[in-house]
Amino acid sequence: MTDHEKGLLGGIRVLDLSRVMSGPFCTSMLADLGAEVIKIELPEFGDEARHFGPYVDGESTYFMLLNRNKKSVTVDLKSDDGRALIQNLVPKCDVMVENFRPGVMARLGLDEPAVRKLNPGIIYTSISGFGQESPLRDWPAFDLVIQAMSGLMSLTGPKRGPATAVGESVADVCTGMFAAFGTVAALFDRERTGVGRHVDVAMLDSMMAMQLTGLARQLYKDDTPGPVGNRHPVTYPVDSFATRTGDIVLVCFTDRLFGELAKLMGTPELANDARFASNAARNENEDLLREKIATWAAGQDQDAAIDALLGHGIPAAPVWTLKDLVSSDHVRQRGLVVDGRHDTLGRIPLVPQPVRFSGTDDGPEPFAPTLGAHTDEVLRDLADLDDAAIAAMRDAKTI
C-alpha cells in the first residue's frame, strides 16, 4: 500500500488548481486525510501564497502551513501545451478544485462542462467570492471584502465602535472547510450513484451561514445587531475582564450561575437584586453590573480567578496569546503541531486538520513542497511523458 492509499481518503486523487488561501485550505484538509493532491503552480513564480511573509531562508512559512502534503507541479496554464497537460491529467483524477473568478476557467477551456467531457465522474469544486451565479459574480473577492459584506465586521469590535475585522482570514478558512465538506459529500454520493457533481461554494454564502446568533435576531425579529465587544450579544454576564496578571473570560448563562458568581465576589445579595435577578434585567443594567465584576476581577490574579470561578461551576478561561496556546499541554497532548519536512529547511512545524478518527495511524511523514518538486514525477507517472518530452516542455517554459 502506497502512502496515498492510506487514510480515509486513500486512493482519491485531487487536481488542485486553486491558489492563495480558500482553495488551498480545502485541499490541505483532503491531503491530511490521505488524498493525493497534485498542486498546479505557475512556473518560476508559483502560487501567490509563496510570496506572502513571514519568511525563513526565503521560504514562506504561510505557504508551508497551508500547502502541506501536496505534490507541487509547475504548469503554464496560459500556454496551449500547458492546458493540454492539465487535460491529460483530468481523466486520472477524482476531484478538481479551483478558486478563480467565475469565467476564468471557461476562458482556459477548463470549466466544469469541458472537464466533465474528459471525466464524467469527476467532482469539480469551484470556490469563489460570490458563487458561479450571482449579480456580484464578477467582483474581486478577498477575505476583508467578504468579512465586510457578510455583516461579520458590523458585529465585531467594541460597543458603539467602528466595524472591525476578525484577526484571522476567517472567510477564506471557513469557505475552505465548507468546500472540503462539499467535496467529500459529493465523493460519498458518487460511491452510491456513480454521478460526479459540480460543487459551487461562495465565500459570502459561507460566512452568512455561520452567523446563527445574529441571523436569529435579523430574520425573526427584524432586529439588526451591532458590535458589543467581547460580551455575548444576548446573555449577560458572558464577557471578558482584566485581572492583575492577565485577562479572563467568564460565562454566566443562567440565573443559578450568576448566583454563584455573586457569592464568589462576596456580594450574594446581587442575585436577588431586582436589577440583576434575570437575564433581561442584567442586560438592562449591564454597565453597572460590569463595573461590579470588573472591580472584583481587578483585585485577582489570573490563575486564582480561574480556579475560583471553575470551583463554583462557572465556565471560565484565561485569554491566551498564540504563544500561550502553542506551548500548552493541550496542544502537546492532542498533537496539534506535528514535525514535518521541507527540502530546503529540513524539519518544520506543521498544523494538520484537527479531526481525530479512531482506528487510524499517523500516516506518512507530513511535508511542505518546494516549487515544482514533483513535476517530473507526476508527468512521468500520470501524464505518461518520457524524460525527453519533459525536458522539451521545460525548455519551452511550459513547465
Protein backbone atom coordinates (compact mmCIF):
# COMPACT_ATOMS: atom_id res chain seq x y z
CA MET A 1 0.00 0.00 0.00
CA THR A 2 1.46 3.36 -1.05
CA ASP A 3 1.38 6.47 1.13
CA HIS A 4 -1.51 7.88 -0.91
CA GLU A 5 -3.59 4.74 -0.48
CA LYS A 6 -3.56 5.21 3.30
CA GLY A 7 -6.01 7.34 5.25
CA LEU A 8 -9.75 7.83 4.99
CA LEU A 9 -9.35 9.35 1.53
CA GLY A 10 -6.60 6.99 0.42
CA GLY A 11 -6.79 6.31 -3.31
CA ILE A 12 -8.52 9.63 -4.08
CA ARG A 13 -6.55 11.91 -6.40
CA VAL A 14 -7.18 15.67 -6.41
CA LEU A 15 -6.10 18.06 -9.16
CA ASP A 16 -5.65 21.34 -7.31
CA LEU A 17 -5.71 24.48 -9.45
CA SER A 18 -6.52 26.72 -6.50
CA ARG A 19 -4.32 29.44 -5.07
CA VAL A 20 -3.75 31.77 -2.12
CA MET A 21 -5.97 30.52 0.76
CA SER A 22 -9.58 29.33 0.45
CA GLY A 23 -8.92 26.60 -2.12
CA PRO A 24 -5.57 25.52 -0.69
CA PHE A 25 -7.14 25.25 2.77
CA CYS A 26 -9.76 22.91 1.30
CA THR A 27 -7.20 20.73 -0.45
CA SER A 28 -4.90 20.66 2.57
CA MET A 29 -7.74 19.09 4.57
CA LEU A 30 -8.19 16.47 1.85
CA ALA A 31 -4.44 15.81 1.76
CA ASP A 32 -4.37 15.35 5.53
CA LEU A 33 -6.91 12.54 5.14
CA GLY A 34 -4.76 10.70 2.63
CA ALA A 35 -5.87 12.11 -0.73
CA GLU A 36 -3.11 12.56 -3.29
CA VAL A 37 -3.21 16.27 -4.08
CA ILE A 38 -1.44 17.49 -7.20
CA LYS A 39 -0.98 21.23 -6.80
CA ILE A 40 -0.59 23.10 -10.08
CA GLU A 41 1.56 26.24 -9.80
CA LEU A 42 2.95 28.81 -12.20
CA PRO A 43 6.49 28.08 -13.39
CA GLU A 44 9.11 30.15 -11.54
CA PHE A 45 6.54 32.29 -9.66
CA GLY A 46 4.39 29.59 -8.07
CA ASP A 47 1.25 30.15 -6.02
CA GLU A 48 0.93 33.79 -4.91
CA ALA A 49 0.99 32.49 -1.34
CA ARG A 50 4.70 31.66 -1.76
CA HIS A 51 5.26 35.43 -1.78
CA PHE A 52 3.42 36.13 1.48
CA GLY A 53 5.53 36.54 4.63
CA PRO A 54 6.81 35.69 7.09
CA TYR A 55 9.84 34.00 5.54
CA VAL A 56 12.53 31.65 6.80
CA ASP A 57 15.58 31.45 4.50
CA GLY A 58 13.44 32.82 1.66
CA GLU A 59 10.63 30.27 2.12
CA SER A 60 7.11 31.43 3.02
CA THR A 61 6.04 29.85 6.30
CA TYR A 62 2.46 30.88 5.46
CA PHE A 63 2.63 28.80 2.28
CA MET A 64 4.11 25.82 4.10
CA LEU A 65 1.35 25.69 6.71
CA LEU A 66 -1.31 25.95 4.01
CA ASN A 67 0.05 23.51 1.43
CA ARG A 68 1.23 20.56 3.45
CA ASN A 69 1.24 17.08 1.93
CA LYS A 70 0.72 18.24 -1.68
CA LYS A 71 2.73 17.47 -4.79
CA SER A 72 3.88 20.69 -6.48
CA VAL A 73 3.78 20.62 -10.28
CA THR A 74 4.55 23.73 -12.35
CA VAL A 75 2.44 24.28 -15.47
CA ASP A 76 1.83 27.40 -17.55
CA LEU A 77 -1.96 27.39 -17.95
CA LYS A 78 -1.78 30.23 -20.46
CA SER A 79 0.01 28.04 -22.97
CA ASP A 80 -1.72 25.55 -25.25
CA ASP A 81 0.67 22.79 -24.19
CA GLY A 82 0.10 23.61 -20.53
CA ARG A 83 -3.66 23.34 -20.86
CA ALA A 84 -3.27 20.12 -22.85
CA LEU A 85 -1.18 18.76 -19.99
CA ILE A 86 -3.95 19.52 -17.49
CA GLN A 87 -6.49 17.90 -19.81
CA ASN A 88 -4.22 14.84 -19.86
CA LEU A 89 -4.32 14.66 -16.04
CA VAL A 90 -8.08 15.19 -15.65
CA PRO A 91 -9.16 11.60 -16.51
CA LYS A 92 -6.78 10.25 -13.85
CA CYS A 93 -8.24 12.38 -11.04
CA ASP A 94 -11.31 12.06 -8.82
CA VAL A 95 -11.59 15.71 -7.85
CA MET A 96 -10.65 19.06 -9.36
CA VAL A 97 -10.59 22.20 -7.20
CA GLU A 98 -10.33 25.77 -8.50
CA ASN A 99 -10.90 29.18 -6.95
CA PHE A 100 -10.60 31.56 -9.89
CA ARG A 101 -13.15 34.28 -10.53
CA PRO A 102 -16.16 32.87 -12.45
CA GLY A 103 -15.44 32.83 -16.17
CA VAL A 104 -11.66 32.40 -15.94
CA MET A 105 -11.75 28.60 -16.18
CA ALA A 106 -14.06 28.81 -19.21
CA ARG A 107 -11.56 31.06 -20.97
CA LEU A 108 -8.88 28.46 -20.25
CA GLY A 109 -11.08 25.69 -21.63
CA LEU A 110 -11.07 24.01 -18.21
CA ASP A 111 -14.52 24.89 -16.87
CA GLU A 112 -16.82 22.24 -15.45
CA PRO A 113 -18.60 21.25 -18.70
CA ALA A 114 -15.28 20.91 -20.55
CA VAL A 115 -13.67 18.91 -17.76
CA ARG A 116 -16.72 16.67 -17.38
CA LYS A 117 -16.43 15.64 -21.04
CA LEU A 118 -12.96 14.35 -20.21
CA ASN A 119 -14.00 12.70 -16.94
CA PRO A 120 -17.79 12.29 -16.44
CA GLY A 121 -17.41 11.15 -12.84
CA ILE A 122 -15.15 13.92 -11.60
CA ILE A 123 -16.09 16.07 -8.60
CA TYR A 124 -15.48 19.65 -9.79
CA THR A 125 -15.27 22.05 -6.84
CA SER A 126 -15.45 25.78 -7.59
CA ILE A 127 -14.71 28.30 -4.85
CA SER A 128 -15.37 31.98 -5.46
CA GLY A 129 -16.36 35.11 -3.62
CA PHE A 130 -20.00 35.17 -4.63
CA GLY A 131 -20.67 31.89 -6.44
CA GLN A 132 -20.99 30.90 -10.07
CA GLU A 133 -24.41 32.56 -10.34
CA SER A 134 -24.77 35.92 -8.61
CA PRO A 135 -25.19 39.58 -9.59
CA LEU A 136 -21.84 40.03 -7.80
CA ARG A 137 -20.05 37.14 -9.52
CA ASP A 138 -17.53 39.42 -11.28
CA TRP A 139 -16.48 41.29 -8.14
CA PRO A 140 -12.97 40.51 -6.88
CA ALA A 141 -13.22 38.78 -3.53
CA PHE A 142 -10.65 38.91 -0.75
CA ASP A 143 -11.12 37.92 2.85
CA LEU A 144 -11.58 41.52 4.04
CA VAL A 145 -14.15 42.17 1.28
CA ILE A 146 -16.21 39.17 2.39
CA GLN A 147 -15.89 39.99 6.09
CA ALA A 148 -17.19 43.47 5.29
CA MET A 149 -20.14 42.35 3.15
CA SER A 150 -21.11 39.37 5.32
CA GLY A 151 -22.12 41.51 8.27
CA LEU A 152 -19.37 39.98 10.40
CA MET A 153 -17.40 43.21 10.63
CA SER A 154 -20.54 45.09 11.66
CA LEU A 155 -20.84 42.70 14.63
CA THR A 156 -17.18 42.78 15.67
CA GLY A 157 -15.38 45.34 17.81
CA PRO A 158 -16.12 47.46 20.87
CA LYS A 159 -19.64 48.52 21.71
CA ARG A 160 -20.66 51.51 19.59
CA GLY A 161 -17.23 51.28 17.95
CA PRO A 162 -16.25 51.02 14.28
CA ALA A 163 -16.72 47.83 12.27
CA THR A 164 -13.73 45.60 12.94
CA ALA A 165 -12.25 42.66 11.03
CA VAL A 166 -11.63 39.38 12.82
CA GLY A 167 -7.92 38.81 13.45
CA GLU A 168 -7.58 35.90 11.01
CA SER A 169 -8.70 35.28 7.44
CA VAL A 170 -11.83 33.51 8.64
CA ALA A 171 -13.76 33.95 5.39
CA ASP A 172 -11.04 32.12 3.47
CA VAL A 173 -10.57 29.44 6.10
CA CYS A 174 -14.26 28.73 6.69
CA THR A 175 -15.02 28.67 2.97
CA GLY A 176 -12.20 26.17 2.55
CA MET A 177 -13.77 23.98 5.23
CA PHE A 178 -17.20 24.17 3.58
CA ALA A 179 -15.57 23.29 0.25
CA ALA A 180 -13.86 20.26 1.78
CA PHE A 181 -17.18 19.20 3.33
CA GLY A 182 -18.97 19.60 -0.01
CA THR A 183 -16.25 17.73 -1.89
CA VAL A 184 -16.30 14.77 0.48
CA ALA A 185 -20.12 14.70 0.42
CA ALA A 186 -20.03 14.61 -3.40
CA LEU A 187 -17.47 11.80 -3.31
CA PHE A 188 -19.72 9.83 -0.96
CA ASP A 189 -22.69 10.39 -3.25
CA ARG A 190 -20.64 9.23 -6.25
CA GLU A 191 -19.91 5.97 -4.45
CA ARG A 192 -23.66 5.31 -4.32
CA THR A 193 -24.81 6.78 -7.63
CA GLY A 194 -21.76 6.91 -9.87
CA VAL A 195 -22.59 10.55 -10.63
CA GLY A 196 -19.99 13.32 -10.47
CA ARG A 197 -21.17 16.72 -9.31
CA HIS A 198 -20.22 20.38 -9.55
CA VAL A 199 -19.70 21.76 -6.03
CA ASP A 200 -20.25 25.54 -6.03
CA VAL A 201 -19.02 27.24 -2.85
CA ALA A 202 -19.21 31.01 -2.29
CA MET A 203 -17.30 32.85 0.40
CA LEU A 204 -20.19 35.23 1.15
CA ASP A 205 -22.63 32.32 1.45
CA SER A 206 -20.26 30.51 3.81
CA MET A 207 -19.88 33.46 6.14
CA MET A 208 -23.61 34.14 6.20
CA ALA A 209 -24.39 30.52 7.10
CA MET A 210 -22.19 30.71 10.20
CA GLN A 211 -23.81 33.71 11.90
CA LEU A 212 -26.65 31.98 13.67
CA THR A 213 -26.99 34.30 16.67
CA GLY A 214 -27.22 37.44 14.58
CA LEU A 215 -29.45 35.84 11.95
CA ALA A 216 -31.85 34.64 14.64
CA ARG A 217 -32.42 38.28 15.53
CA GLN A 218 -32.43 39.62 11.98
CA LEU A 219 -34.66 37.02 10.33
CA TYR A 220 -37.18 36.53 13.12
CA LYS A 221 -37.24 39.94 14.83
CA ASP A 222 -36.01 42.33 12.11
CA ASP A 223 -33.53 43.41 14.79
CA THR A 224 -30.18 44.33 13.24
CA PRO A 225 -27.41 43.66 15.77
CA GLY A 226 -24.29 45.77 16.19
CA PRO A 227 -20.93 45.28 17.89
CA VAL A 228 -20.96 44.53 21.61
CA GLY A 229 -17.28 43.95 22.34
CA ASN A 230 -16.40 40.66 23.99
CA ARG A 231 -19.76 40.10 25.63
CA HIS A 232 -22.37 37.73 24.29
CA PRO A 233 -24.99 39.65 22.27
CA VAL A 234 -27.91 38.13 24.20
CA THR A 235 -26.75 36.75 27.56
CA TYR A 236 -25.04 38.63 30.40
CA PRO A 237 -22.61 38.34 32.10
CA VAL A 238 -20.74 36.49 29.36
CA ASP A 239 -17.73 38.76 28.90
CA SER A 240 -14.02 39.38 29.40
CA PHE A 241 -12.44 41.12 32.38
CA ALA A 242 -8.95 42.25 33.34
CA THR A 243 -7.17 40.78 36.36
CA ARG A 244 -3.82 41.88 37.82
CA THR A 245 -1.94 39.37 35.67
CA GLY A 246 -3.99 38.99 32.51
CA ASP A 247 -7.48 38.96 31.07
CA ILE A 248 -10.08 36.27 31.71
CA VAL A 249 -13.45 35.35 30.27
CA LEU A 250 -16.42 34.01 32.22
CA VAL A 251 -19.74 32.59 31.12
CA CYS A 252 -22.74 33.04 33.43
CA PHE A 253 -25.54 31.94 31.14
CA THR A 254 -28.13 31.04 33.80
CA ASP A 255 -29.57 32.70 36.90
CA ARG A 256 -28.05 29.92 39.02
CA LEU A 257 -24.55 30.59 37.71
CA PHE A 258 -24.97 34.30 38.27
CA GLY A 259 -25.89 33.47 41.85
CA GLU A 260 -22.63 31.52 42.17
CA LEU A 261 -20.68 34.48 40.79
CA ALA A 262 -22.37 36.81 43.24
CA LYS A 263 -21.37 34.55 46.14
CA LEU A 264 -17.81 34.27 44.85
CA MET A 265 -17.48 38.05 44.69
CA GLY A 266 -18.67 38.32 48.29
CA THR A 267 -21.93 40.01 47.27
CA PRO A 268 -24.55 37.21 47.34
CA GLU A 269 -27.34 39.79 47.60
CA LEU A 270 -26.83 40.72 43.95
CA ALA A 271 -28.58 37.51 42.87
CA ASN A 272 -31.82 38.75 44.43
CA ASP A 273 -31.37 42.39 43.43
CA ALA A 274 -34.18 43.28 41.02
CA ARG A 275 -31.64 44.97 38.75
CA PHE A 276 -29.79 41.66 38.25
CA ALA A 277 -32.27 38.90 39.08
CA SER A 278 -32.93 37.90 35.45
CA ASN A 279 -31.02 37.93 32.20
CA ALA A 280 -33.26 40.72 30.88
CA ALA A 281 -32.53 42.81 33.97
CA ARG A 282 -28.80 42.12 33.78
CA ASN A 283 -28.75 43.24 30.16
CA GLU A 284 -30.67 46.39 31.04
CA ASN A 285 -28.20 47.20 33.80
CA GLU A 286 -25.11 45.87 32.05
CA ASP A 287 -22.88 48.87 32.69
CA LEU A 288 -23.44 48.78 36.44
CA LEU A 289 -23.04 45.01 36.65
CA ARG A 290 -19.91 45.06 34.52
CA GLU A 291 -18.40 47.66 36.83
CA LYS A 292 -19.01 45.42 39.86
CA ILE A 293 -17.48 42.35 38.21
CA ALA A 294 -14.55 44.35 36.84
CA THR A 295 -13.79 45.70 40.30
CA TRP A 296 -13.72 42.15 41.70
CA ALA A 297 -11.54 40.85 38.82
CA ALA A 298 -9.07 43.72 39.13
CA GLY A 299 -8.18 42.51 42.63
CA GLN A 300 -7.43 38.94 41.48
CA ASP A 301 -4.56 37.16 39.83
CA GLN A 302 -5.49 35.43 36.58
CA ASP A 303 -4.82 31.86 37.73
CA ALA A 304 -6.54 32.35 41.10
CA ALA A 305 -9.59 33.90 39.45
CA ILE A 306 -9.91 30.99 37.00
CA ASP A 307 -9.56 28.42 39.80
CA ALA A 308 -12.19 30.20 41.89
CA LEU A 309 -14.66 30.51 39.01
CA LEU A 310 -14.27 26.88 37.97
CA GLY A 311 -14.62 25.86 41.60
CA HIS A 312 -18.04 27.49 41.62
CA GLY A 313 -19.02 25.72 38.40
CA ILE A 314 -18.73 28.86 36.28
CA PRO A 315 -17.17 28.31 32.83
CA ALA A 316 -14.08 30.49 32.64
CA ALA A 317 -10.72 30.66 30.91
CA PRO A 318 -7.61 32.80 30.59
CA VAL A 319 -7.20 34.91 27.44
CA TRP A 320 -4.21 33.28 25.77
CA THR A 321 -1.82 34.56 23.15
CA LEU A 322 -0.82 32.23 20.32
CA LYS A 323 2.44 31.69 22.21
CA ASP A 324 0.44 30.53 25.23
CA LEU A 325 -1.63 28.21 23.04
CA VAL A 326 1.15 26.50 21.09
CA SER A 327 3.18 25.91 24.26
CA SER A 328 0.21 24.48 26.20
CA ASP A 329 -0.11 20.91 27.44
CA HIS A 330 -3.36 20.66 25.48
CA VAL A 331 -1.66 21.28 22.12
CA ARG A 332 1.15 18.92 23.04
CA GLN A 333 -1.12 16.06 24.15
CA ARG A 334 -3.52 16.47 21.22
CA GLY A 335 -0.66 16.55 18.72
CA LEU A 336 -1.86 19.74 17.08
CA VAL A 337 1.62 20.72 15.91
CA VAL A 338 3.44 17.96 14.07
CA ASP A 339 7.01 17.58 12.87
CA GLY A 340 7.26 17.77 9.08
CA ARG A 341 9.95 18.06 6.45
CA HIS A 342 10.95 20.56 3.79
CA ASP A 343 13.63 20.03 1.16
CA THR A 344 15.26 23.39 1.92
CA LEU A 345 14.56 23.98 5.60
CA GLY A 346 14.71 20.42 6.88
CA ARG A 347 12.46 19.86 9.92
CA ILE A 348 9.46 22.23 10.11
CA PRO A 349 6.34 22.51 12.32
CA LEU A 350 3.01 21.92 10.59
CA VAL A 351 -0.61 22.07 11.80
CA PRO A 352 -2.84 19.39 10.21
CA GLN A 353 -6.63 19.33 10.21
CA PRO A 354 -7.79 18.70 13.80
CA VAL A 355 -10.43 15.95 13.49
CA ARG A 356 -9.33 12.65 15.03
CA PHE A 357 -10.55 9.28 13.79
CA SER A 358 -10.43 6.01 15.70
CA GLY A 359 -8.54 3.11 14.18
CA THR A 360 -6.24 5.23 12.03
CA ASP A 361 -2.47 5.56 12.26
CA ASP A 362 -0.43 8.70 11.84
CA GLY A 363 0.14 8.07 8.14
CA PRO A 364 3.24 9.14 6.21
CA GLU A 365 5.51 11.91 7.42
CA PRO A 366 3.95 15.30 6.55
CA PHE A 367 5.84 17.66 4.26
CA ALA A 368 5.61 21.03 2.52
CA PRO A 369 6.66 21.08 -1.13
CA THR A 370 9.25 23.29 -2.72
CA LEU A 371 8.15 24.82 -6.03
CA GLY A 372 7.87 22.20 -8.77
CA ALA A 373 9.39 19.45 -6.64
CA HIS A 374 7.05 16.80 -8.08
CA THR A 375 6.74 17.99 -11.68
CA ASP A 376 8.85 15.27 -13.25
CA GLU A 377 7.36 12.52 -11.04
CA VAL A 378 3.75 13.41 -11.87
CA LEU A 379 4.34 13.94 -15.59
CA ARG A 380 6.18 10.67 -15.85
CA ASP A 381 3.75 8.59 -13.77
CA LEU A 382 0.40 10.15 -14.66
CA ALA A 383 0.87 12.00 -17.94
CA ASP A 384 2.97 9.18 -19.45
CA LEU A 385 5.71 11.53 -20.62
CA ASP A 386 9.29 10.34 -21.01
CA ASP A 387 12.36 12.28 -19.92
CA ALA A 388 12.87 13.77 -23.39
CA ALA A 389 9.30 15.08 -23.57
CA ILE A 390 9.57 16.54 -20.09
CA ALA A 391 12.85 18.24 -20.97
CA ALA A 392 11.30 19.71 -24.12
CA MET A 393 8.38 21.14 -22.15
CA ARG A 394 10.79 22.63 -19.67
CA ASP A 395 12.83 24.22 -22.45
CA ALA A 396 9.59 25.72 -23.82
CA LYS A 397 8.81 27.04 -20.30
CA THR A 398 5.51 25.13 -20.33
CA ILE A 399 6.64 23.61 -17.02
